[in-house]
Amino acid sequence: MQQLSWTDDMMLRAERPETPMQIQMLLIYDPSTAPGGRVTFKGILEEVDSRLHLAPTFRRRLTELPGGLHKPYWVDDPNFDLEYHVRHIALPQPGDWRQLCIQIARIHARQIDLRRPPWEMTVIEGLNSVPGVPPGSFAVGLKLHHCAADGMESVELMAALHGLEPDGPRPDPPETPWAPDELPSTSTLVSKTAFNIASYPLRASGVVVPNALKAVRQLAGMPTKVVGGVASALASRPGPLFAPATRFNNAASPHRVFEARFHDLADFQRIKASVPGATINDVAVAYVGGTLRRYLQNHDELPEQTLVSACPASIRDSNEKGAGGNRLFGRLQSLQTDSSDPLERLAMISEQSAGFRDSSDTANTSQLMELVGLVPTTLLGLTVKAASAMPFSGPTIANTTVSNVPGPTVPVYFAGARLVRVTGMGPLIAGMNLFHVIASYNGTVSMGVTADRDALPDPAHYAECMQAAFDELLAAAG
């Protein structure tokens, strides 16, 4: 029985029906590599079942303290039902990209049932007219609640489901068959929580006292470290310090749209090489900036002041693989949308992000997260929930989110089918109704876009702007 961390608990408490806190990977497979050239739904169920023991997240659910007065616990689900979690649908023909985007957006908009392990897998057959994808392919939407996994942990779950050969053996079964532990009684939950509360002063002093000076220094550096240089980047320009409000900074509806574009990693590297010191992530951020500039310009809504992105990053180390939950910290990044020159935009973004990397300290960041964790998560969650529900008349902190999720660098296989494309979707929260996921896999980089349908009624046009912005960057790189 494991209690949620404060970040995972906040993910739960911040959720509203209009803004489910979940992430999703969209995975597209070519079944021609499987034995016999086909994959059945029964075979998929058997494949998943053979790999459940590789990731405890698959069979854990939440149990709440009566009244919800403290953080919930992860427990084994005694009624685990694989066929509940793995669903099967098919696209109507012709089975094209637009149909797939609509279907996966609808799936993403639906809340996960938190009375069960918080994940769902939807197998989508009938992909017969998707450019760059072999006819007869199928897709898998793997959706997880954010309280169970961040982007890096979702990559670990994906690794548990895949092999390196189309006809490779399944993983060895566990030494003993899985049997769920008994659910804790109310008295057990209350006594365990009472112990945690009683030991709170000791735990708090254990965090605060040894790290008091470091904490003060870290807090003093917050304006530059967390904001990531945005304040200094904007200080030299006229206008307000906060990001300008856009159509993507209003209250969210319950409806979602999705789009994605796929590019060769070699092209990203070529763009990166055109600006000394730039990284692949800098190129992705510049790509987002160019897309937003083009899209808002086409709608006569481009602010004079640059837009700003929130950039969450995992601080999970190698010892925490498979631990589940979230190990996230973030910064704000100027998108330089007030610059019409794509390489100038990339150079300014690179300079700003380099300053953040030079001043960042993972150990100090972890200590700061522990300090924040001393604040009751009920209060933290209510604060985020209130920020999501309030009218957006206050200052805009960021206009969008950009999350980078690195995937396998070699081909992988699921039930013998070769994974050919990977992209992702993220949650919309706190008035940021546009989320960009940068995902890499086997020499390809994708940009997946999740948005509120009211904010982005024309996702296909946004995708055209994405492609045009990337082509512009690539042409400028020479």
Protein backbone atom coordinates (compact mmCIF):
# COMPACT_ATOMS: atom_id res chain seq x y z
CA MET A 1 0.00 0.00 0.00
CA GLN A 2 1.71 3.17 -1.24
CA GLN A 3 0.51 6.70 -0.61
CA LEU A 4 0.47 9.17 -3.48
CA SER A 5 3.10 11.87 -3.61
CA TRP A 6 1.97 15.46 -3.28
CA THR A 7 2.36 16.05 -7.02
CA ASP A 8 0.26 12.99 -7.90
CA ASP A 9 -2.39 13.98 -5.37
CA MET A 10 -2.53 17.47 -6.82
CA MET A 11 -3.16 15.95 -10.26
CA LEU A 12 -6.24 14.29 -8.78
CA ARG A 13 -7.54 17.29 -6.89
CA ALA A 14 -7.07 19.67 -9.81
CA GLU A 15 -9.27 17.61 -12.16
CA ARG A 16 -12.64 18.89 -13.33
CA PRO A 17 -15.09 17.25 -15.79
CA GLU A 18 -14.07 19.79 -18.45
CA THR A 19 -10.35 19.27 -17.86
CA PRO A 20 -9.52 15.61 -17.19
CA MET A 21 -5.92 15.26 -16.06
CA GLN A 22 -4.76 12.56 -18.44
CA ILE A 23 -2.11 11.91 -21.04
CA GLN A 24 -2.38 9.66 -24.08
CA MET A 25 0.01 8.09 -26.57
CA LEU A 26 -1.19 7.42 -30.10
CA LEU A 27 0.75 4.45 -31.51
CA ILE A 28 0.33 3.22 -35.10
CA TYR A 29 1.37 -0.32 -36.11
CA ASP A 30 1.99 -2.24 -39.31
CA PRO A 31 0.66 -5.80 -38.71
CA SER A 32 2.38 -7.23 -41.82
CA THR A 33 5.49 -7.93 -39.72
CA ALA A 34 3.58 -10.16 -37.28
CA PRO A 35 3.67 -13.95 -37.70
CA GLY A 36 1.12 -14.76 -40.39
CA GLY A 37 0.92 -11.08 -41.37
CA ARG A 38 -2.00 -10.26 -39.09
CA VAL A 39 -2.79 -9.35 -35.50
CA THR A 40 -6.06 -10.32 -33.79
CA PHE A 41 -7.72 -8.63 -30.84
CA LYS A 42 -7.46 -11.91 -28.93
CA GLY A 43 -3.73 -11.91 -29.64
CA ILE A 44 -3.46 -8.34 -28.34
CA LEU A 45 -5.21 -9.31 -25.09
CA GLU A 46 -2.85 -12.25 -24.65
CA GLU A 47 0.17 -10.04 -25.36
CA VAL A 48 -0.86 -7.41 -22.82
CA ASP A 49 -1.73 -10.07 -20.24
CA SER A 50 1.76 -11.59 -20.59
CA ARG A 51 3.38 -8.23 -19.80
CA LEU A 52 1.26 -6.87 -16.93
CA HIS A 53 3.79 -7.97 -14.32
CA LEU A 54 6.45 -5.74 -15.88
CA ALA A 55 4.71 -2.56 -14.64
CA PRO A 56 2.80 -2.46 -11.31
CA THR A 57 0.85 0.57 -12.57
CA PHE A 58 -1.31 -1.68 -14.73
CA ARG A 59 -3.05 -3.36 -11.78
CA ARG A 60 -3.06 -0.63 -9.13
CA ARG A 61 -6.05 1.51 -8.29
CA LEU A 62 -6.71 4.26 -5.79
CA THR A 63 -8.39 4.00 -2.45
CA GLU A 64 -9.51 7.11 -0.61
CA LEU A 65 -9.45 7.96 3.05
CA PRO A 66 -13.02 8.59 4.25
CA GLY A 67 -13.84 12.21 3.54
CA GLY A 68 -10.84 12.60 1.28
CA LEU A 69 -8.98 14.43 4.04
CA HIS A 70 -5.56 13.08 3.13
CA LYS A 71 -3.68 11.71 0.15
CA PRO A 72 -5.12 8.48 -1.32
CA TYR A 73 -3.21 5.20 -1.51
CA TRP A 74 -2.31 2.89 -4.38
CA VAL A 75 -3.62 -0.64 -3.78
CA ASP A 76 -3.96 -3.81 -5.83
CA ASP A 77 -7.26 -4.02 -7.68
CA PRO A 78 -8.91 -7.28 -6.53
CA ASN A 79 -11.38 -7.09 -9.43
CA PHE A 80 -8.85 -6.33 -12.17
CA ASP A 81 -10.45 -7.01 -15.56
CA LEU A 82 -8.14 -6.74 -18.54
CA GLU A 83 -11.00 -6.68 -21.05
CA TYR A 84 -12.39 -3.56 -19.33
CA HIS A 85 -9.13 -1.71 -19.91
CA VAL A 86 -8.47 -2.89 -23.48
CA ARG A 87 -11.18 -1.84 -25.93
CA HIS A 88 -11.64 -2.47 -29.66
CA ILE A 89 -13.19 -0.23 -32.32
CA ALA A 90 -12.79 0.35 -36.07
CA LEU A 91 -12.85 3.45 -38.24
CA PRO A 92 -15.51 3.68 -40.95
CA GLN A 93 -13.98 3.56 -44.40
CA PRO A 94 -11.92 5.01 -45.95
CA GLY A 95 -10.16 5.08 -42.56
CA ASP A 96 -8.20 8.28 -43.11
CA TRP A 97 -6.11 10.55 -40.89
CA ARG A 98 -8.90 13.03 -40.21
CA GLN A 99 -11.20 10.24 -38.97
CA LEU A 100 -8.46 8.94 -36.70
CA CYS A 101 -7.83 12.41 -35.25
CA ILE A 102 -11.53 12.91 -34.50
CA GLN A 103 -11.83 9.50 -32.84
CA ILE A 104 -8.73 9.82 -30.68
CA ALA A 105 -9.80 13.33 -29.57
CA ARG A 106 -13.18 11.98 -28.44
CA ILE A 107 -11.45 9.22 -26.49
CA HIS A 108 -9.13 11.75 -24.87
CA ALA A 109 -12.02 13.96 -23.75
CA ARG A 110 -13.64 11.20 -21.68
CA GLN A 111 -12.61 10.93 -18.04
CA ILE A 112 -10.93 7.76 -16.82
CA ASP A 113 -12.83 5.74 -14.20
CA LEU A 114 -10.75 6.23 -11.07
CA ARG A 115 -12.48 3.32 -9.31
CA ARG A 116 -10.28 1.07 -11.45
CA PRO A 117 -6.59 1.19 -12.42
CA PRO A 118 -6.41 4.57 -14.20
CA TRP A 119 -5.50 3.50 -17.73
CA GLU A 120 -7.26 2.51 -20.93
CA MET A 121 -6.05 1.03 -24.21
CA THR A 122 -8.20 1.46 -27.32
CA VAL A 123 -7.31 -0.61 -30.38
CA ILE A 124 -8.49 1.19 -33.56
CA GLU A 125 -8.64 -0.90 -36.73
CA GLY A 126 -9.24 0.15 -40.32
CA LEU A 127 -6.42 2.60 -41.03
CA ASN A 128 -6.47 2.20 -44.80
CA SER A 129 -5.97 5.76 -46.08
CA VAL A 130 -3.45 7.40 -43.72
CA PRO A 131 -0.52 8.97 -45.64
CA GLY A 132 2.78 7.27 -44.89
CA VAL A 133 1.11 4.36 -43.11
CA PRO A 134 0.65 0.93 -44.77
CA PRO A 135 -3.01 0.08 -45.55
CA GLY A 136 -4.45 -2.34 -43.01
CA SER A 137 -2.55 -0.78 -40.11
CA PHE A 138 -4.08 -0.32 -36.68
CA ALA A 139 -3.65 2.27 -33.95
CA VAL A 140 -3.54 2.04 -30.18
CA GLY A 141 -4.54 4.90 -27.92
CA LEU A 142 -2.88 4.31 -24.52
CA LYS A 143 -4.47 6.72 -22.05
CA LEU A 144 -3.26 7.17 -18.46
CA HIS A 145 -4.32 9.46 -15.67
CA HIS A 146 -1.60 11.96 -14.84
CA CYS A 147 -1.66 10.90 -11.17
CA ALA A 148 -0.25 7.53 -12.28
CA ALA A 149 2.37 8.62 -14.80
CA ASP A 150 4.20 11.58 -16.28
CA GLY A 151 5.61 11.58 -19.81
CA MET A 152 8.79 9.72 -18.89
CA GLU A 153 6.92 7.08 -16.91
CA SER A 154 4.55 6.59 -19.87
CA VAL A 155 7.64 5.75 -21.95
CA GLU A 156 8.52 3.10 -19.35
CA LEU A 157 5.01 1.63 -19.64
CA MET A 158 5.35 1.63 -23.41
CA ALA A 159 8.65 -0.23 -23.08
CA ALA A 160 6.91 -2.88 -20.96
CA LEU A 161 4.46 -3.56 -23.82
CA HIS A 162 7.00 -3.88 -26.64
CA GLY A 163 9.75 -6.21 -27.80
CA LEU A 164 12.73 -5.71 -30.10
CA GLU A 165 11.86 -8.50 -32.54
CA PRO A 166 8.58 -9.27 -34.35
CA ASP A 167 8.80 -12.96 -33.46
CA GLY A 168 10.73 -12.65 -30.20
CA PRO A 169 9.63 -14.61 -27.13
CA ARG A 170 7.32 -13.06 -24.61
CA PRO A 171 8.88 -12.05 -21.29
CA ASP A 172 9.34 -14.72 -18.67
CA PRO A 173 6.34 -14.94 -16.34
CA PRO A 174 6.75 -13.93 -12.70
CA GLU A 175 8.06 -16.57 -10.31
CA THR A 176 4.68 -16.68 -8.59
CA PRO A 177 1.33 -15.82 -10.24
CA TRP A 178 -0.02 -12.41 -9.37
CA ALA A 179 -2.47 -12.36 -6.48
CA PRO A 180 -3.84 -9.04 -5.20
CA ASP A 181 -3.24 -8.01 -1.62
CA GLU A 182 -6.34 -7.57 0.48
CA LEU A 183 -7.88 -4.12 0.35
CA PRO A 184 -7.05 -2.10 3.46
CA SER A 185 -9.85 -1.62 5.95
CA THR A 186 -11.03 1.82 6.95
CA SER A 187 -9.34 1.41 10.31
CA THR A 188 -6.04 0.52 8.61
CA LEU A 189 -6.27 3.60 6.39
CA VAL A 190 -7.12 5.84 9.34
CA SER A 191 -4.34 4.47 11.55
CA LYS A 192 -1.75 4.69 8.78
CA THR A 193 -2.80 8.23 7.96
CA ALA A 194 -2.81 9.17 11.63
CA PHE A 195 0.79 7.96 11.87
CA ASN A 196 1.73 10.03 8.80
CA ILE A 197 0.09 13.11 10.28
CA ALA A 198 1.73 12.54 13.67
CA SER A 199 5.15 12.23 12.03
CA TYR A 200 4.57 15.29 9.84
CA PRO A 201 6.53 17.74 12.06
CA LEU A 202 9.50 15.36 12.09
CA ARG A 203 9.37 14.86 8.32
CA ALA A 204 8.96 18.59 7.76
CA SER A 205 11.95 19.42 9.92
CA GLY A 206 13.92 16.71 8.10
CA VAL A 207 13.31 18.56 4.87
CA VAL A 208 13.54 22.14 6.07
CA VAL A 209 16.33 22.15 8.63
CA PRO A 210 19.18 20.44 6.68
CA ASN A 211 18.38 22.37 3.54
CA ALA A 212 17.35 25.73 4.94
CA LEU A 213 20.16 27.77 3.37
CA LYS A 214 19.92 25.90 0.07
CA ALA A 215 16.16 26.40 0.05
CA VAL A 216 16.52 30.13 0.60
CA ARG A 217 19.05 30.38 -2.22
CA GLN A 218 16.82 28.30 -4.49
CA LEU A 219 13.78 30.44 -3.71
CA ALA A 220 15.83 33.57 -4.31
CA GLY A 221 16.72 32.23 -7.72
CA MET A 222 13.15 31.33 -8.65
CA PRO A 223 12.49 34.36 -10.88
CA THR A 224 15.24 33.25 -13.25
CA LYS A 225 15.33 29.50 -12.72
CA VAL A 226 11.64 28.69 -12.87
CA VAL A 227 10.67 31.46 -15.21
CA GLY A 228 13.62 30.38 -17.27
CA GLY A 229 14.79 33.83 -18.24
CA VAL A 230 11.45 35.07 -19.56
CA ALA A 231 11.56 38.12 -17.32
CA SER A 232 14.99 39.11 -18.56
CA ALA A 233 14.05 38.29 -22.15
CA LEU A 234 11.05 40.58 -21.98
CA ALA A 235 12.65 43.30 -19.86
CA SER A 236 14.57 44.68 -22.83
CA ARG A 237 11.35 45.04 -24.83
CA PRO A 238 8.46 47.40 -24.28
CA GLY A 239 5.21 46.01 -22.90
CA PRO A 240 3.97 44.09 -19.85
CA LEU A 241 5.88 41.31 -18.13
CA PHE A 242 3.09 38.73 -18.37
CA ALA A 243 2.24 36.80 -21.53
CA PRO A 244 -0.48 38.29 -23.75
CA ALA A 245 -3.90 36.64 -23.63
CA THR A 246 -4.97 34.69 -26.73
CA ARG A 247 -7.89 32.52 -27.83
CA PHE A 248 -6.07 29.65 -26.09
CA ASN A 249 -6.36 31.26 -22.65
CA ASN A 250 -10.03 30.96 -21.76
CA ALA A 251 -12.11 28.52 -19.74
CA ALA A 252 -12.14 25.08 -21.36
CA SER A 253 -15.10 23.18 -22.78
CA PRO A 254 -15.39 19.38 -22.42
CA HIS A 255 -14.52 18.84 -26.11
CA ARG A 256 -11.10 18.21 -27.65
CA VAL A 257 -9.43 18.26 -31.06
CA PHE A 258 -6.17 16.62 -32.08
CA GLU A 259 -3.65 16.93 -34.91
CA ALA A 260 -0.06 15.88 -35.52
CA ARG A 261 2.75 16.16 -38.01
CA PHE A 262 5.75 13.83 -38.45
CA HIS A 263 9.28 14.82 -39.50
CA ASP A 264 12.67 13.20 -40.01
CA LEU A 265 15.03 13.56 -37.06
CA ALA A 266 17.76 14.33 -39.61
CA ASP A 267 15.88 17.50 -40.58
CA PHE A 268 15.65 18.55 -36.92
CA GLN A 269 19.40 17.99 -36.60
CA ARG A 270 20.05 20.04 -39.74
CA ILE A 271 18.06 22.94 -38.29
CA LYS A 272 19.85 22.57 -34.95
CA ALA A 273 23.24 22.77 -36.64
CA SER A 274 22.36 26.12 -38.21
CA VAL A 275 22.43 27.85 -34.80
CA PRO A 276 25.52 27.12 -32.66
CA GLY A 277 24.58 25.80 -29.23
CA ALA A 278 20.98 25.00 -30.14
CA THR A 279 19.37 21.72 -29.06
CA ILE A 280 16.67 19.55 -30.58
CA ASN A 281 14.32 20.84 -27.88
CA ASP A 282 15.14 24.43 -28.88
CA VAL A 283 14.20 23.56 -32.47
CA ALA A 284 10.89 22.11 -31.24
CA VAL A 285 10.11 25.27 -29.26
CA ALA A 286 10.97 27.45 -32.25
CA TYR A 287 8.72 25.22 -34.37
CA VAL A 288 5.83 25.85 -31.94
CA GLY A 289 6.56 29.59 -31.97
CA GLY A 290 6.52 29.71 -35.76
CA THR A 291 3.26 27.74 -35.88
CA LEU A 292 1.48 29.98 -33.40
CA ARG A 293 2.73 33.12 -35.12
CA ARG A 294 1.44 31.90 -38.49
CA TYR A 295 -1.90 30.64 -37.15
CA LEU A 296 -2.76 33.75 -35.12
CA GLN A 297 -1.57 36.00 -37.94
CA ASN A 298 -3.96 34.23 -40.31
CA HIS A 299 -6.78 35.01 -37.87
CA ASP A 300 -5.62 38.63 -37.36
CA GLU A 301 -5.01 37.84 -33.68
CA LEU A 302 -1.22 37.90 -33.35
CA PRO A 303 -0.19 40.00 -30.29
CA GLU A 304 2.73 42.39 -30.63
CA GLN A 305 4.27 40.87 -27.51
CA THR A 306 5.82 37.41 -27.71
CA LEU A 307 3.82 34.40 -26.55
CA VAL A 308 5.15 32.21 -23.73
CA SER A 309 5.15 28.44 -23.26
CA ALA A 310 5.20 26.34 -20.12
CA CYS A 311 7.85 23.61 -20.51
CA PRO A 312 7.48 20.77 -18.00
CA ALA A 313 10.50 18.52 -17.61
CA SER A 314 11.05 15.24 -15.79
CA ILE A 315 13.67 15.17 -13.03
CA ARG A 316 13.27 11.39 -12.69
CA ASP A 317 16.66 9.69 -12.43
CA SER A 318 17.62 6.17 -13.51
CA ASN A 319 16.90 4.78 -10.04
CA GLU A 320 13.26 5.86 -10.28
CA LYS A 321 12.33 3.97 -13.46
CA GLY A 322 9.06 2.11 -13.07
CA ALA A 323 8.20 3.97 -9.87
CA GLY A 324 5.07 5.50 -11.41
CA GLY A 325 3.65 8.90 -10.65
CA ASN A 326 5.17 12.28 -11.47
CA ARG A 327 8.61 13.76 -11.07
CA LEU A 328 8.05 17.02 -12.88
CA PHE A 329 9.47 20.49 -12.68
CA GLY A 330 9.06 23.23 -15.21
CA ARG A 331 9.98 26.63 -16.54
CA LEU A 332 8.55 29.28 -18.80
CA GLN A 333 10.02 29.83 -22.25
CA SER A 334 9.51 32.77 -24.58
CA LEU A 335 8.35 31.58 -28.02
CA GLN A 336 9.69 34.71 -29.78
CA THR A 337 6.52 35.04 -31.86
CA ASP A 338 7.28 38.73 -32.33
CA SER A 339 10.17 37.78 -34.64
CA SER A 340 9.44 37.02 -38.30
CA ASP A 341 12.87 35.47 -38.90
CA PRO A 342 12.83 31.72 -38.05
CA LEU A 343 16.56 31.45 -37.38
CA GLU A 344 16.57 34.60 -35.24
CA ARG A 345 13.69 33.05 -33.29
CA LEU A 346 15.67 29.84 -32.80
CA ALA A 347 18.81 31.72 -31.74
CA MET A 348 16.95 33.75 -29.09
CA ILE A 349 15.19 30.63 -27.77
CA SER A 350 18.52 28.77 -27.65
CA GLU A 351 20.19 31.59 -25.74
CA GLN A 352 17.38 31.71 -23.19
CA SER A 353 17.23 27.94 -22.66
CA ALA A 354 21.03 27.75 -22.32
CA GLY A 355 20.82 30.26 -19.49
CA PHE A 356 18.26 28.10 -17.76
CA ARG A 357 20.33 24.93 -18.20
CA ASP A 358 23.45 26.64 -16.86
CA SER A 359 21.67 27.81 -13.72
CA SER A 360 19.57 24.70 -13.07
CA ASP A 361 20.41 22.20 -10.36
CA THR A 362 18.45 18.95 -10.21
CA ALA A 363 19.34 18.32 -6.57
CA ASN A 364 18.17 21.77 -5.51
CA THR A 365 15.05 21.42 -7.62
CA SER A 366 14.22 18.15 -5.86
CA GLN A 367 14.69 19.85 -2.49
CA LEU A 368 12.42 22.67 -3.56
CA MET A 369 9.77 20.16 -4.63
CA GLU A 370 10.00 18.55 -1.20
CA LEU A 371 9.45 21.94 0.41
CA VAL A 372 6.40 22.60 -1.74
CA GLY A 373 5.20 19.13 -0.79
CA LEU A 374 4.94 20.25 2.83
CA VAL A 375 1.98 22.43 1.84
CA PRO A 376 -1.27 20.46 2.25
CA THR A 377 -2.18 19.07 -1.15
CA THR A 378 -5.82 19.87 -0.54
CA LEU A 379 -4.86 23.53 -0.67
CA LEU A 380 -2.58 23.09 -3.68
CA GLY A 381 -5.23 21.17 -5.61
CA LEU A 382 -7.98 23.64 -4.80
CA THR A 383 -5.71 26.47 -5.95
CA VAL A 384 -5.12 24.84 -9.34
CA LYS A 385 -8.80 23.90 -9.67
CA ALA A 386 -9.82 27.48 -8.90
CA ALA A 387 -7.33 28.75 -11.48
CA SER A 388 -8.90 26.46 -14.06
CA ALA A 389 -12.46 27.49 -13.29
CA MET A 390 -12.06 31.24 -12.85
CA PRO A 391 -12.80 33.76 -15.62
CA PHE A 392 -9.49 34.58 -17.26
CA SER A 393 -9.42 38.28 -16.55
CA GLY A 394 -6.20 38.06 -14.57
CA PRO A 395 -2.65 37.94 -15.98
CA THR A 396 -1.78 35.14 -18.40
CA ILE A 397 1.24 33.17 -17.21
CA ALA A 398 1.68 31.07 -20.37
CA ASN A 399 -0.17 30.59 -23.65
CA THR A 400 0.55 26.91 -24.29
CA THR A 401 2.47 23.89 -23.02
CA VAL A 402 5.35 22.18 -24.82
CA SER A 403 6.38 18.76 -23.49
CA ASN A 404 9.28 16.71 -24.88
CA VAL A 405 8.97 12.90 -24.61
CA PRO A 406 11.91 10.90 -26.04
CA GLY A 407 11.02 7.41 -27.18
CA PRO A 408 12.92 4.33 -28.44
CA THR A 409 15.68 4.98 -30.97
CA VAL A 410 15.24 1.56 -32.63
CA PRO A 411 12.17 -0.20 -34.08
CA VAL A 412 9.95 -1.96 -31.52
CA TYR A 413 7.11 -4.43 -31.92
CA PHE A 414 3.76 -5.09 -30.23
CA ALA A 415 2.21 -8.54 -30.73
CA GLY A 416 4.61 -8.84 -33.69
CA ALA A 417 3.39 -5.64 -35.37
CA ARG A 418 6.02 -3.00 -36.08
CA LEU A 419 5.47 0.38 -34.45
CA VAL A 420 5.66 2.92 -37.29
CA ARG A 421 4.45 6.18 -35.72
CA VAL A 422 4.30 7.68 -32.24
CA THR A 423 2.68 10.89 -31.09
CA GLY A 424 0.91 12.09 -27.95
CA MET A 425 -1.73 14.18 -26.24
CA GLY A 426 -1.68 16.15 -23.00
CA PRO A 427 -4.08 17.69 -20.47
CA LEU A 428 -5.51 21.20 -20.67
CA ILE A 429 -5.48 23.09 -17.39
CA ALA A 430 -5.28 26.55 -15.85
CA GLY A 431 -6.32 28.41 -18.97
CA MET A 432 -3.75 26.83 -21.30
CA ASN A 433 -6.06 25.22 -23.85
CA LEU A 434 -3.33 24.20 -26.28
CA PHE A 435 -0.81 21.44 -25.56
CA HIS A 436 2.10 20.38 -27.79
CA VAL A 437 3.79 16.99 -27.32
CA ILE A 438 7.16 16.52 -29.04
CA ALA A 439 7.76 12.77 -29.31
CA SER A 440 10.73 11.03 -30.93
CA TYR A 441 10.94 7.44 -32.15
CA ASN A 442 13.35 5.59 -34.44
CA GLY A 443 14.56 8.58 -36.45
CA THR A 444 11.22 10.41 -36.52
CA VAL A 445 10.02 13.41 -34.50
CA SER A 446 6.31 14.15 -34.16
CA MET A 447 4.43 17.21 -32.98
CA GLY A 448 1.09 16.22 -31.45
CA VAL A 449 -1.40 18.98 -30.64
CA THR A 450 -4.27 18.77 -28.16
CA ALA A 451 -6.65 21.71 -27.95
CA ASP A 452 -10.04 22.75 -26.72
CA ARG A 453 -12.48 22.57 -29.62
CA ASP A 454 -13.83 26.06 -28.95
CA ALA A 455 -10.31 27.50 -29.02
CA LEU A 456 -9.22 25.56 -32.12
CA PRO A 457 -12.25 24.86 -34.34
CA ASP A 458 -9.98 24.37 -37.38
CA PRO A 459 -7.31 21.82 -36.36
CA ALA A 460 -6.55 20.88 -39.97
CA HIS A 461 -5.63 24.52 -40.64
CA TYR A 462 -3.42 24.52 -37.54
CA ALA A 463 -1.69 21.41 -38.93
CA GLU A 464 -1.07 23.28 -42.20
CA CYS A 465 0.51 26.08 -40.17
CA MET A 466 2.68 23.50 -38.39
CA GLN A 467 3.94 22.10 -41.68
CA ALA A 468 4.55 25.56 -43.14
CA ALA A 469 6.43 26.69 -40.00
CA PHE A 470 8.66 23.62 -40.10
CA ASP A 471 9.32 23.98 -43.83
CA GLU A 472 10.25 27.62 -43.21
CA LEU A 473 12.75 26.61 -40.51
CA LEU A 474 14.25 23.92 -42.69
CA ALA A 475 14.59 26.24 -45.69
CA ALA A 476 16.25 28.90 -43.54
CA ALA A 477 18.74 26.35 -42.23
CA GLY A 478 19.91 25.83 -45.85
